[in-house]
Amino acid sequence: MDFIAFCKSLQSTALASGIRDSLLLFPLLEALHVMALVLVFGSIVVVDLRALGLASRSRLFSRVAADTLHWTWVGFAAACITGALMFSTNAQVYAANRFFQVKMLLLLLAGLNMLLFQFTAGRRLAHWDAAPSAPGIGKWAAALSLALWLSIICMGRLIGFATTGAASHEPPPANIDFDDFLSGPPAK
């Protein structure tokens, strides 16, 4: 099955249709996705600023990382789940969106940057753990991490602007009337 066919079948699932047809589910998923990204980015910022020597300089790097990185993974898992659910609602449109494609590439680069750090400065952690900042390669990885994650967040926001009103050529369900939603339940 090619990717376009996969996207088409994904967005036609009952789960994707249920999210897409609900007035509340997609906005709820979007809010949870943003909260998860705040958790991911916030915890990464703490670790990266420590590596750069701009915060928590008196604390061991390993302690800062141990205190925060488990929250990074919790947030990342939640962001992946909510992001996948939102993607499923209009997979063909999102897959063709340049901002979405760039965001996925940046996520891959952020993962590779994390591996670079682990296989360079991270391997010599015992030598610099108590130092006010990481060695040069660790500082570069931390600065790149911050730049990548800020870019990921910007691309994610641009996805929403670029796909507003874009549909996968499916008519809206006949039983949903936004005006009825705003006016509340019918009077008895």
N, C-alpha and C. Protein backbone atom coordinates (compact mmCIF):
# COMPACT_ATOMS: atom_id res chain seq x y z
N MET A 1 0.85 -1.17 0.00
CA MET A 1 0.00 0.00 0.00
C MET A 1 0.90 1.24 0.00
N ASP A 2 0.65 2.17 -0.91
CA ASP A 2 1.44 3.39 -0.94
C ASP A 2 0.97 4.34 0.16
N PHE A 3 1.75 5.39 0.38
CA PHE A 3 1.49 6.29 1.51
C PHE A 3 0.18 7.04 1.35
N ILE A 4 -0.14 7.48 0.14
CA ILE A 4 -1.40 8.21 -0.10
C ILE A 4 -2.60 7.31 0.20
N ALA A 5 -2.51 6.07 -0.23
CA ALA A 5 -3.60 5.12 0.05
C ALA A 5 -3.72 4.88 1.55
N PHE A 6 -2.56 4.78 2.23
CA PHE A 6 -2.57 4.62 3.68
C PHE A 6 -3.25 5.80 4.35
N CYS A 7 -2.90 7.02 3.91
CA CYS A 7 -3.50 8.22 4.49
C CYS A 7 -5.01 8.24 4.28
N LYS A 8 -5.42 7.87 3.08
CA LYS A 8 -6.85 7.87 2.77
C LYS A 8 -7.59 6.85 3.64
N SER A 9 -7.00 5.67 3.81
CA SER A 9 -7.66 4.66 4.65
C SER A 9 -7.64 5.07 6.11
N LEU A 10 -6.56 5.73 6.55
CA LEU A 10 -6.47 6.18 7.93
C LEU A 10 -7.55 7.21 8.25
N GLN A 11 -7.74 8.17 7.38
CA GLN A 11 -8.73 9.22 7.66
C GLN A 11 -10.16 8.74 7.49
N SER A 12 -10.33 7.55 6.92
CA SER A 12 -11.70 7.02 6.79
C SER A 12 -12.05 6.04 7.91
N THR A 13 -11.15 5.87 8.88
CA THR A 13 -11.46 4.99 10.02
C THR A 13 -12.54 5.62 10.89
N ALA A 14 -13.19 4.80 11.66
CA ALA A 14 -14.24 5.29 12.56
C ALA A 14 -13.66 6.26 13.60
N LEU A 15 -12.46 5.97 14.09
CA LEU A 15 -11.85 6.85 15.08
C LEU A 15 -11.59 8.23 14.49
N ALA A 16 -10.99 8.28 13.29
CA ALA A 16 -10.70 9.57 12.65
C ALA A 16 -11.99 10.32 12.35
N SER A 17 -12.99 9.60 11.86
CA SER A 17 -14.28 10.25 11.56
C SER A 17 -14.93 10.78 12.83
N GLY A 18 -14.85 10.01 13.90
CA GLY A 18 -15.43 10.46 15.17
C GLY A 18 -14.78 11.72 15.69
N ILE A 19 -13.46 11.79 15.59
CA ILE A 19 -12.74 13.00 16.02
C ILE A 19 -13.09 14.16 15.12
N ARG A 20 -13.07 13.93 13.82
CA ARG A 20 -13.34 14.98 12.84
C ARG A 20 -14.77 15.52 12.95
N ASP A 21 -15.72 14.64 13.23
CA ASP A 21 -17.13 15.04 13.28
C ASP A 21 -17.54 15.64 14.62
N SER A 22 -16.71 15.51 15.62
CA SER A 22 -17.03 16.04 16.94
C SER A 22 -16.64 17.52 17.01
N LEU A 23 -17.47 18.29 17.67
CA LEU A 23 -17.14 19.70 17.88
C LEU A 23 -16.11 19.89 18.99
N LEU A 24 -15.93 18.88 19.84
CA LEU A 24 -15.05 19.03 21.00
C LEU A 24 -13.78 18.21 20.94
N LEU A 25 -13.80 17.05 20.28
CA LEU A 25 -12.65 16.16 20.35
C LEU A 25 -11.37 16.73 19.74
N PHE A 26 -11.46 17.29 18.54
CA PHE A 26 -10.25 17.83 17.91
C PHE A 26 -9.66 18.97 18.73
N PRO A 27 -10.47 19.96 19.16
CA PRO A 27 -9.88 21.03 19.99
C PRO A 27 -9.30 20.50 21.31
N LEU A 28 -9.92 19.48 21.88
CA LEU A 28 -9.37 18.89 23.10
C LEU A 28 -8.03 18.23 22.81
N LEU A 29 -7.95 17.47 21.72
CA LEU A 29 -6.67 16.85 21.34
C LEU A 29 -5.61 17.91 21.08
N GLU A 30 -6.00 18.99 20.42
CA GLU A 30 -5.06 20.06 20.12
C GLU A 30 -4.54 20.70 21.41
N ALA A 31 -5.42 20.92 22.36
CA ALA A 31 -5.01 21.50 23.64
C ALA A 31 -4.07 20.55 24.39
N LEU A 32 -4.40 19.27 24.39
CA LEU A 32 -3.52 18.28 25.05
C LEU A 32 -2.17 18.19 24.34
N HIS A 33 -2.18 18.31 23.02
CA HIS A 33 -0.94 18.29 22.24
C HIS A 33 -0.05 19.48 22.63
N VAL A 34 -0.65 20.65 22.74
CA VAL A 34 0.11 21.84 23.13
C VAL A 34 0.67 21.68 24.54
N MET A 35 -0.15 21.17 25.47
CA MET A 35 0.35 20.96 26.85
C MET A 35 1.49 19.96 26.86
N ALA A 36 1.39 18.91 26.06
CA ALA A 36 2.47 17.92 25.99
C ALA A 36 3.74 18.56 25.43
N LEU A 37 3.60 19.40 24.43
CA LEU A 37 4.77 20.08 23.87
C LEU A 37 5.40 21.05 24.86
N VAL A 38 4.57 21.69 25.67
CA VAL A 38 5.10 22.56 26.72
C VAL A 38 5.95 21.74 27.69
N LEU A 39 5.47 20.56 28.04
CA LEU A 39 6.22 19.68 28.93
C LEU A 39 7.53 19.24 28.27
N VAL A 40 7.47 18.84 27.01
CA VAL A 40 8.68 18.42 26.28
C VAL A 40 9.67 19.58 26.22
N PHE A 41 9.22 20.70 25.69
CA PHE A 41 10.13 21.83 25.49
C PHE A 41 10.64 22.38 26.82
N GLY A 42 9.76 22.51 27.79
CA GLY A 42 10.18 23.04 29.09
C GLY A 42 11.26 22.19 29.74
N SER A 43 11.10 20.88 29.70
CA SER A 43 12.11 20.02 30.31
C SER A 43 13.41 20.01 29.51
N ILE A 44 13.30 20.10 28.19
CA ILE A 44 14.50 20.15 27.36
C ILE A 44 15.25 21.46 27.59
N VAL A 45 14.52 22.55 27.74
CA VAL A 45 15.16 23.85 28.00
C VAL A 45 15.98 23.79 29.28
N VAL A 46 15.44 23.19 30.32
CA VAL A 46 16.16 23.09 31.60
C VAL A 46 17.50 22.38 31.40
N VAL A 47 17.47 21.24 30.71
CA VAL A 47 18.69 20.45 30.50
C VAL A 47 19.66 21.20 29.58
N ASP A 48 19.13 21.78 28.50
CA ASP A 48 20.01 22.48 27.55
C ASP A 48 20.64 23.73 28.17
N LEU A 49 19.87 24.47 28.96
CA LEU A 49 20.45 25.64 29.62
C LEU A 49 21.52 25.24 30.62
N ARG A 50 21.35 24.10 31.28
CA ARG A 50 22.40 23.60 32.19
C ARG A 50 23.65 23.22 31.39
N ALA A 51 23.45 22.55 30.26
CA ALA A 51 24.60 22.17 29.43
C ALA A 51 25.34 23.40 28.90
N LEU A 52 24.60 24.46 28.59
CA LEU A 52 25.21 25.70 28.10
C LEU A 52 25.85 26.52 29.22
N GLY A 53 25.58 26.15 30.46
CA GLY A 53 26.13 26.88 31.59
C GLY A 53 25.36 28.15 31.91
N LEU A 54 24.10 28.20 31.50
CA LEU A 54 23.28 29.39 31.72
C LEU A 54 22.30 29.25 32.88
N ALA A 55 22.17 28.06 33.43
CA ALA A 55 21.25 27.82 34.55
C ALA A 55 21.72 26.60 35.33
N SER A 56 21.38 26.57 36.60
CA SER A 56 21.68 25.43 37.49
C SER A 56 23.14 25.02 37.44
N ARG A 57 24.01 25.98 37.34
CA ARG A 57 25.46 25.71 37.20
C ARG A 57 26.05 24.98 38.40
N SER A 58 25.44 25.13 39.56
CA SER A 58 25.98 24.48 40.75
C SER A 58 25.49 23.04 40.92
N ARG A 59 24.52 22.64 40.11
CA ARG A 59 23.99 21.27 40.19
C ARG A 59 24.69 20.38 39.18
N LEU A 60 24.85 19.11 39.55
CA LEU A 60 25.42 18.16 38.62
C LEU A 60 24.53 18.05 37.39
N PHE A 61 25.15 18.00 36.22
CA PHE A 61 24.36 17.85 34.99
C PHE A 61 23.54 16.58 35.05
N SER A 62 24.13 15.51 35.53
CA SER A 62 23.42 14.22 35.59
C SER A 62 22.18 14.31 36.47
N ARG A 63 22.26 15.11 37.54
CA ARG A 63 21.11 15.27 38.43
C ARG A 63 20.00 16.08 37.76
N VAL A 64 20.38 17.15 37.07
CA VAL A 64 19.40 17.96 36.35
C VAL A 64 18.71 17.10 35.29
N ALA A 65 19.50 16.34 34.56
CA ALA A 65 18.94 15.48 33.51
C ALA A 65 18.03 14.42 34.12
N ALA A 66 18.45 13.80 35.22
CA ALA A 66 17.64 12.77 35.85
C ALA A 66 16.32 13.33 36.38
N ASP A 67 16.36 14.56 36.87
CA ASP A 67 15.16 15.18 37.42
C ASP A 67 14.15 15.61 36.35
N THR A 68 14.61 15.83 35.14
CA THR A 68 13.71 16.39 34.14
C THR A 68 13.42 15.49 32.94
N LEU A 69 14.37 14.68 32.51
CA LEU A 69 14.20 13.99 31.24
C LEU A 69 13.08 12.94 31.24
N HIS A 70 12.73 12.40 32.40
CA HIS A 70 11.58 11.47 32.39
C HIS A 70 10.31 12.22 32.01
N TRP A 71 10.22 13.51 32.40
CA TRP A 71 9.07 14.32 32.00
C TRP A 71 9.09 14.60 30.50
N THR A 72 10.29 14.71 29.95
CA THR A 72 10.41 14.89 28.50
C THR A 72 9.77 13.73 27.77
N TRP A 73 10.08 12.51 28.23
CA TRP A 73 9.56 11.31 27.56
C TRP A 73 8.05 11.16 27.76
N VAL A 74 7.55 11.53 28.93
CA VAL A 74 6.10 11.49 29.15
C VAL A 74 5.41 12.47 28.20
N GLY A 75 5.93 13.68 28.14
CA GLY A 75 5.36 14.69 27.24
C GLY A 75 5.49 14.29 25.79
N PHE A 76 6.62 13.70 25.42
CA PHE A 76 6.83 13.30 24.03
C PHE A 76 5.85 12.19 23.64
N ALA A 77 5.64 11.24 24.53
CA ALA A 77 4.67 10.17 24.25
C ALA A 77 3.26 10.75 24.08
N ALA A 78 2.88 11.65 24.97
CA ALA A 78 1.55 12.28 24.87
C ALA A 78 1.43 13.10 23.58
N ALA A 79 2.49 13.81 23.21
CA ALA A 79 2.47 14.60 21.97
C ALA A 79 2.37 13.70 20.75
N CYS A 80 3.05 12.56 20.77
CA CYS A 80 2.97 11.62 19.64
C CYS A 80 1.56 11.05 19.50
N ILE A 81 0.97 10.68 20.62
CA ILE A 81 -0.39 10.10 20.57
C ILE A 81 -1.40 11.13 20.09
N THR A 82 -1.38 12.32 20.69
CA THR A 82 -2.35 13.34 20.29
C THR A 82 -2.08 13.81 18.86
N GLY A 83 -0.82 13.93 18.49
CA GLY A 83 -0.48 14.33 17.14
C GLY A 83 -0.95 13.31 16.11
N ALA A 84 -0.76 12.03 16.41
CA ALA A 84 -1.20 10.98 15.49
C ALA A 84 -2.72 10.98 15.34
N LEU A 85 -3.41 11.20 16.45
CA LEU A 85 -4.87 11.25 16.38
C LEU A 85 -5.35 12.45 15.55
N MET A 86 -4.72 13.60 15.72
CA MET A 86 -5.09 14.76 14.91
C MET A 86 -4.74 14.53 13.44
N PHE A 87 -3.58 13.93 13.19
CA PHE A 87 -3.17 13.63 11.81
C PHE A 87 -4.19 12.73 11.13
N SER A 88 -4.71 11.76 11.86
CA SER A 88 -5.63 10.79 11.26
C SER A 88 -6.90 11.44 10.73
N THR A 89 -7.28 12.59 11.26
CA THR A 89 -8.54 13.21 10.86
C THR A 89 -8.51 13.77 9.44
N ASN A 90 -7.33 14.10 8.95
CA ASN A 90 -7.19 14.69 7.62
C ASN A 90 -5.81 14.35 7.07
N ALA A 91 -5.48 13.08 7.11
CA ALA A 91 -4.12 12.61 6.82
C ALA A 91 -3.60 13.04 5.46
N GLN A 92 -4.44 13.00 4.44
CA GLN A 92 -3.98 13.38 3.10
C GLN A 92 -3.54 14.84 3.05
N VAL A 93 -4.30 15.71 3.67
CA VAL A 93 -3.98 17.13 3.66
C VAL A 93 -2.72 17.38 4.49
N TYR A 94 -2.64 16.80 5.67
CA TYR A 94 -1.46 17.01 6.52
C TYR A 94 -0.20 16.45 5.87
N ALA A 95 -0.28 15.27 5.28
CA ALA A 95 0.88 14.64 4.67
C ALA A 95 1.43 15.49 3.52
N ALA A 96 0.57 16.22 2.83
CA ALA A 96 1.00 17.06 1.71
C ALA A 96 1.43 18.46 2.16
N ASN A 97 1.23 18.79 3.42
CA ASN A 97 1.54 20.11 3.94
C ASN A 97 3.04 20.25 4.17
N ARG A 98 3.65 21.28 3.57
CA ARG A 98 5.10 21.49 3.69
C ARG A 98 5.52 21.74 5.14
N PHE A 99 4.71 22.46 5.90
CA PHE A 99 5.07 22.73 7.30
C PHE A 99 5.08 21.42 8.10
N PHE A 100 4.13 20.55 7.81
CA PHE A 100 4.10 19.24 8.48
C PHE A 100 5.34 18.43 8.11
N GLN A 101 5.68 18.44 6.83
CA GLN A 101 6.86 17.69 6.38
C GLN A 101 8.13 18.22 7.02
N VAL A 102 8.25 19.54 7.10
CA VAL A 102 9.43 20.14 7.74
C VAL A 102 9.45 19.81 9.23
N LYS A 103 8.28 19.85 9.87
CA LYS A 103 8.22 19.50 11.30
C LYS A 103 8.70 18.07 11.53
N MET A 104 8.28 17.14 10.69
CA MET A 104 8.71 15.75 10.85
C MET A 104 10.22 15.62 10.64
N LEU A 105 10.76 16.35 9.66
CA LEU A 105 12.20 16.34 9.42
C LEU A 105 12.94 16.92 10.63
N LEU A 106 12.43 18.01 11.18
CA LEU A 106 13.06 18.63 12.35
C LEU A 106 13.01 17.70 13.57
N LEU A 107 11.92 16.95 13.73
CA LEU A 107 11.84 15.98 14.82
C LEU A 107 12.92 14.90 14.66
N LEU A 108 13.12 14.46 13.43
CA LEU A 108 14.17 13.48 13.15
C LEU A 108 15.54 14.07 13.49
N LEU A 109 15.77 15.30 13.07
CA LEU A 109 17.05 15.96 13.37
C LEU A 109 17.25 16.15 14.88
N ALA A 110 16.18 16.46 15.60
CA ALA A 110 16.28 16.60 17.06
C ALA A 110 16.67 15.27 17.69
N GLY A 111 16.11 14.18 17.18
CA GLY A 111 16.48 12.86 17.68
C GLY A 111 17.93 12.53 17.37
N LEU A 112 18.38 12.86 16.17
CA LEU A 112 19.79 12.63 15.81
C LEU A 112 20.72 13.50 16.65
N ASN A 113 20.30 14.73 16.93
CA ASN A 113 21.09 15.61 17.78
C ASN A 113 21.22 15.03 19.19
N MET A 114 20.14 14.46 19.69
CA MET A 114 20.18 13.83 21.01
C MET A 114 21.19 12.67 21.00
N LEU A 115 21.17 11.87 19.94
CA LEU A 115 22.13 10.77 19.81
C LEU A 115 23.56 11.29 19.72
N LEU A 116 23.75 12.37 18.97
CA LEU A 116 25.08 12.98 18.87
C LEU A 116 25.59 13.36 20.26
N PHE A 117 24.73 13.99 21.04
CA PHE A 117 25.12 14.37 22.39
C PHE A 117 25.48 13.13 23.23
N GLN A 118 24.64 12.09 23.14
CA GLN A 118 24.88 10.89 23.93
C GLN A 118 26.19 10.20 23.57
N PHE A 119 26.53 10.22 22.29
CA PHE A 119 27.74 9.52 21.84
C PHE A 119 28.99 10.39 21.87
N THR A 120 28.85 11.66 22.26
CA THR A 120 30.03 12.52 22.38
C THR A 120 30.16 12.98 23.83
N ALA A 121 29.60 14.12 24.16
CA ALA A 121 29.72 14.67 25.51
C ALA A 121 29.08 13.77 26.55
N GLY A 122 28.01 13.09 26.20
CA GLY A 122 27.33 12.21 27.15
C GLY A 122 28.19 11.03 27.59
N ARG A 123 29.06 10.57 26.73
CA ARG A 123 29.95 9.46 27.08
C ARG A 123 31.03 9.88 28.07
N ARG A 124 31.35 11.14 28.12
CA ARG A 124 32.39 11.64 29.01
C ARG A 124 31.79 12.44 30.17
N LEU A 125 30.55 12.12 30.50
CA LEU A 125 29.82 12.86 31.53
C LEU A 125 30.57 12.88 32.86
N ALA A 126 31.21 11.78 33.22
CA ALA A 126 31.92 11.72 34.51
C ALA A 126 33.02 12.78 34.60
N HIS A 127 33.57 13.19 33.46
CA HIS A 127 34.66 14.18 33.46
C HIS A 127 34.16 15.62 33.59
N TRP A 128 32.92 15.90 33.20
CA TRP A 128 32.46 17.29 33.23
C TRP A 128 31.15 17.48 33.99
N ASP A 129 30.63 16.45 34.61
CA ASP A 129 29.33 16.48 35.29
C ASP A 129 29.21 17.65 36.27
N ALA A 130 30.26 17.93 37.02
CA ALA A 130 30.22 19.00 38.03
C ALA A 130 30.67 20.34 37.46
N ALA A 131 31.17 20.37 36.24
CA ALA A 131 31.62 21.63 35.63
C ALA A 131 30.41 22.54 35.40
N PRO A 132 30.63 23.84 35.34
CA PRO A 132 29.52 24.77 35.15
C PRO A 132 28.80 24.61 33.80
N SER A 133 29.49 24.02 32.82
CA SER A 133 28.85 23.81 31.52
C SER A 133 29.46 22.57 30.86
N ALA A 134 28.82 22.14 29.81
CA ALA A 134 29.29 20.97 29.05
C ALA A 134 30.51 21.37 28.22
N PRO A 135 31.27 20.39 27.74
CA PRO A 135 32.36 20.72 26.82
C PRO A 135 31.78 21.26 25.51
N GLY A 136 32.63 21.76 24.65
CA GLY A 136 32.22 22.42 23.42
C GLY A 136 31.16 21.68 22.61
N ILE A 137 31.36 20.39 22.36
CA ILE A 137 30.39 19.63 21.55
C ILE A 137 29.04 19.53 22.27
N GLY A 138 29.08 19.45 23.60
CA GLY A 138 27.85 19.42 24.38
C GLY A 138 27.10 20.74 24.30
N LYS A 139 27.84 21.86 24.31
CA LYS A 139 27.22 23.17 24.16
C LYS A 139 26.59 23.32 22.78
N TRP A 140 27.29 22.87 21.76
CA TRP A 140 26.74 22.94 20.41
C TRP A 140 25.47 22.12 20.29
N ALA A 141 25.48 20.91 20.87
CA ALA A 141 24.29 20.05 20.82
C ALA A 141 23.13 20.70 21.57
N ALA A 142 23.41 21.34 22.71
CA ALA A 142 22.36 22.00 23.48
C ALA A 142 21.78 23.19 22.72
N ALA A 143 22.65 23.99 22.11
CA ALA A 143 22.18 25.15 21.33
C ALA A 143 21.37 24.67 20.12
N LEU A 144 21.85 23.63 19.46
CA LEU A 144 21.12 23.09 18.32
C LEU A 144 19.78 22.52 18.76
N SER A 145 19.76 21.87 19.92
CA SER A 145 18.51 21.32 20.46
C SER A 145 17.48 22.42 20.66
N LEU A 146 17.89 23.51 21.27
CA LEU A 146 16.97 24.63 21.49
C LEU A 146 16.45 25.18 20.17
N ALA A 147 17.34 25.35 19.21
CA ALA A 147 16.93 25.88 17.90
C ALA A 147 15.97 24.92 17.19
N LEU A 148 16.27 23.62 17.26
CA LEU A 148 15.40 22.64 16.61
C LEU A 148 14.02 22.62 17.24
N TRP A 149 13.95 22.61 18.57
CA TRP A 149 12.66 22.54 19.23
C TRP A 149 11.84 23.81 19.04
N LEU A 150 12.48 24.96 19.02
CA LEU A 150 11.74 26.19 18.71
C LEU A 150 11.19 26.14 17.28
N SER A 151 11.98 25.59 16.37
CA SER A 151 11.54 25.45 14.98
C SER A 151 10.40 24.46 14.85
N ILE A 152 10.48 23.37 15.61
CA ILE A 152 9.41 22.36 15.60
C ILE A 152 8.10 22.99 16.06
N ILE A 153 8.17 23.77 17.12
CA ILE A 153 6.97 24.43 17.64
C ILE A 153 6.42 25.41 16.59
N CYS A 154 7.28 26.19 15.96
CA CYS A 154 6.82 27.13 14.94
C CYS A 154 6.19 26.40 13.75
N MET A 155 6.81 25.34 13.30
CA MET A 155 6.25 24.58 12.17
C MET A 155 4.88 23.99 12.56
N GLY A 156 4.77 23.50 13.78
CA GLY A 156 3.50 22.95 14.24
C GLY A 156 2.40 24.00 14.22
N ARG A 157 2.75 25.20 14.63
CA ARG A 157 1.75 26.27 14.62
C ARG A 157 1.36 26.63 13.19
N LEU A 158 2.34 26.66 12.30
CA LEU A 158 2.07 27.00 10.91
C LEU A 158 1.22 25.93 10.21
N ILE A 159 1.32 24.70 10.66
CA ILE A 159 0.48 23.64 10.09
C ILE A 159 -0.99 24.02 10.26
N GLY A 160 -1.34 24.47 11.45
CA GLY A 160 -2.72 24.85 11.72
C GLY A 160 -3.20 25.98 10.82
N PHE A 161 -2.34 26.96 10.60
CA PHE A 161 -2.72 28.08 9.73
C PHE A 161 -2.84 27.64 8.27
N ALA A 162 -1.97 26.75 7.86
CA ALA A 162 -1.94 26.34 6.45
C ALA A 162 -3.02 25.32 6.10
N THR A 163 -3.58 24.66 7.11
CA THR A 163 -4.59 23.64 6.81
C THR A 163 -5.99 24.07 7.20
N THR A 164 -6.14 25.25 7.77
CA THR A 164 -7.47 25.73 8.14
C THR A 164 -8.35 25.80 6.90
N GLY A 165 -9.44 25.10 6.95
CA GLY A 165 -10.36 25.08 5.82
C GLY A 165 -10.00 24.06 4.76
N ALA A 166 -8.81 23.46 4.85
CA ALA A 166 -8.43 22.44 3.87
C ALA A 166 -9.10 21.14 4.27
N ALA A 167 -9.70 20.51 3.33
CA ALA A 167 -10.38 19.25 3.61
C ALA A 167 -9.94 18.21 2.61
N SER A 168 -10.24 17.00 2.92
CA SER A 168 -9.88 15.90 2.03
C SER A 168 -11.03 15.61 1.08
N HIS A 169 -11.72 16.65 0.67
CA HIS A 169 -12.80 16.56 -0.31
C HIS A 169 -13.97 15.71 0.18
N GLU A 170 -14.23 15.80 1.46
CA GLU A 170 -15.40 15.13 2.02
C GLU A 170 -16.36 16.19 2.51
N PRO A 171 -17.63 16.06 2.20
CA PRO A 171 -18.59 17.05 2.69
C PRO A 171 -18.76 16.92 4.21
N PRO A 172 -19.08 18.01 4.89
CA PRO A 172 -19.30 17.91 6.34
C PRO A 172 -20.53 17.06 6.62
N PRO A 173 -20.55 16.43 7.77
CA PRO A 173 -21.72 15.62 8.12
C PRO A 173 -22.98 16.49 8.16
N ALA A 174 -24.07 15.95 7.70
CA ALA A 174 -25.32 16.70 7.62
C ALA A 174 -25.91 17.01 9.00
N ASN A 175 -25.58 16.23 10.00
CA ASN A 175 -26.19 16.39 11.31
C ASN A 175 -25.47 17.41 12.20
N ILE A 176 -24.45 18.10 11.71
CA ILE A 176 -23.73 19.07 12.52
C ILE A 176 -24.06 20.47 12.00
N ASP A 177 -24.57 21.30 12.90
CA ASP A 177 -24.89 22.68 12.58
C ASP A 177 -24.24 23.55 13.65
N PHE A 178 -23.21 24.30 13.26
CA PHE A 178 -22.46 25.09 14.20
C PHE A 178 -23.33 26.16 14.87
N ASP A 179 -24.30 26.71 14.16
CA ASP A 179 -25.17 27.71 14.75
C ASP A 179 -25.98 27.14 15.90
N ASP A 180 -26.42 25.86 15.75
CA ASP A 180 -27.14 25.21 16.85
C ASP A 180 -26.23 25.02 18.06
N PHE A 181 -24.96 24.74 17.82
CA PHE A 181 -24.00 24.57 18.89
C PHE A 181 -23.85 25.86 19.69
N LEU A 182 -23.78 27.00 19.01
CA LEU A 182 -23.61 28.27 19.69
C LEU A 182 -24.85 28.74 20.43
N SER A 183 -26.03 28.39 19.93
CA SER A 183 -27.24 28.87 20.57
C SER A 183 -27.67 28.00 21.74
N GLY A 184 -27.04 26.87 21.95
CA GLY A 184 -27.37 26.02 23.09
C GLY A 184 -28.50 25.06 22.77
N PRO A 185 -28.95 24.33 23.78
CA PRO A 185 -30.00 23.35 23.54
C PRO A 185 -31.32 24.03 23.22
N PRO A 186 -32.18 23.35 22.46
CA PRO A 186 -33.48 23.94 22.12
C PRO A 186 -34.33 24.17 23.38
N ALA A 187 -35.12 25.22 23.35
CA ALA A 187 -35.99 25.54 24.48
C ALA A 187 -37.12 24.49 24.56
N LYS A 188 -37.52 24.20 25.77
CA LYS A 188 -38.59 23.19 25.97
C LYS A 188 -39.91 23.83 26.16
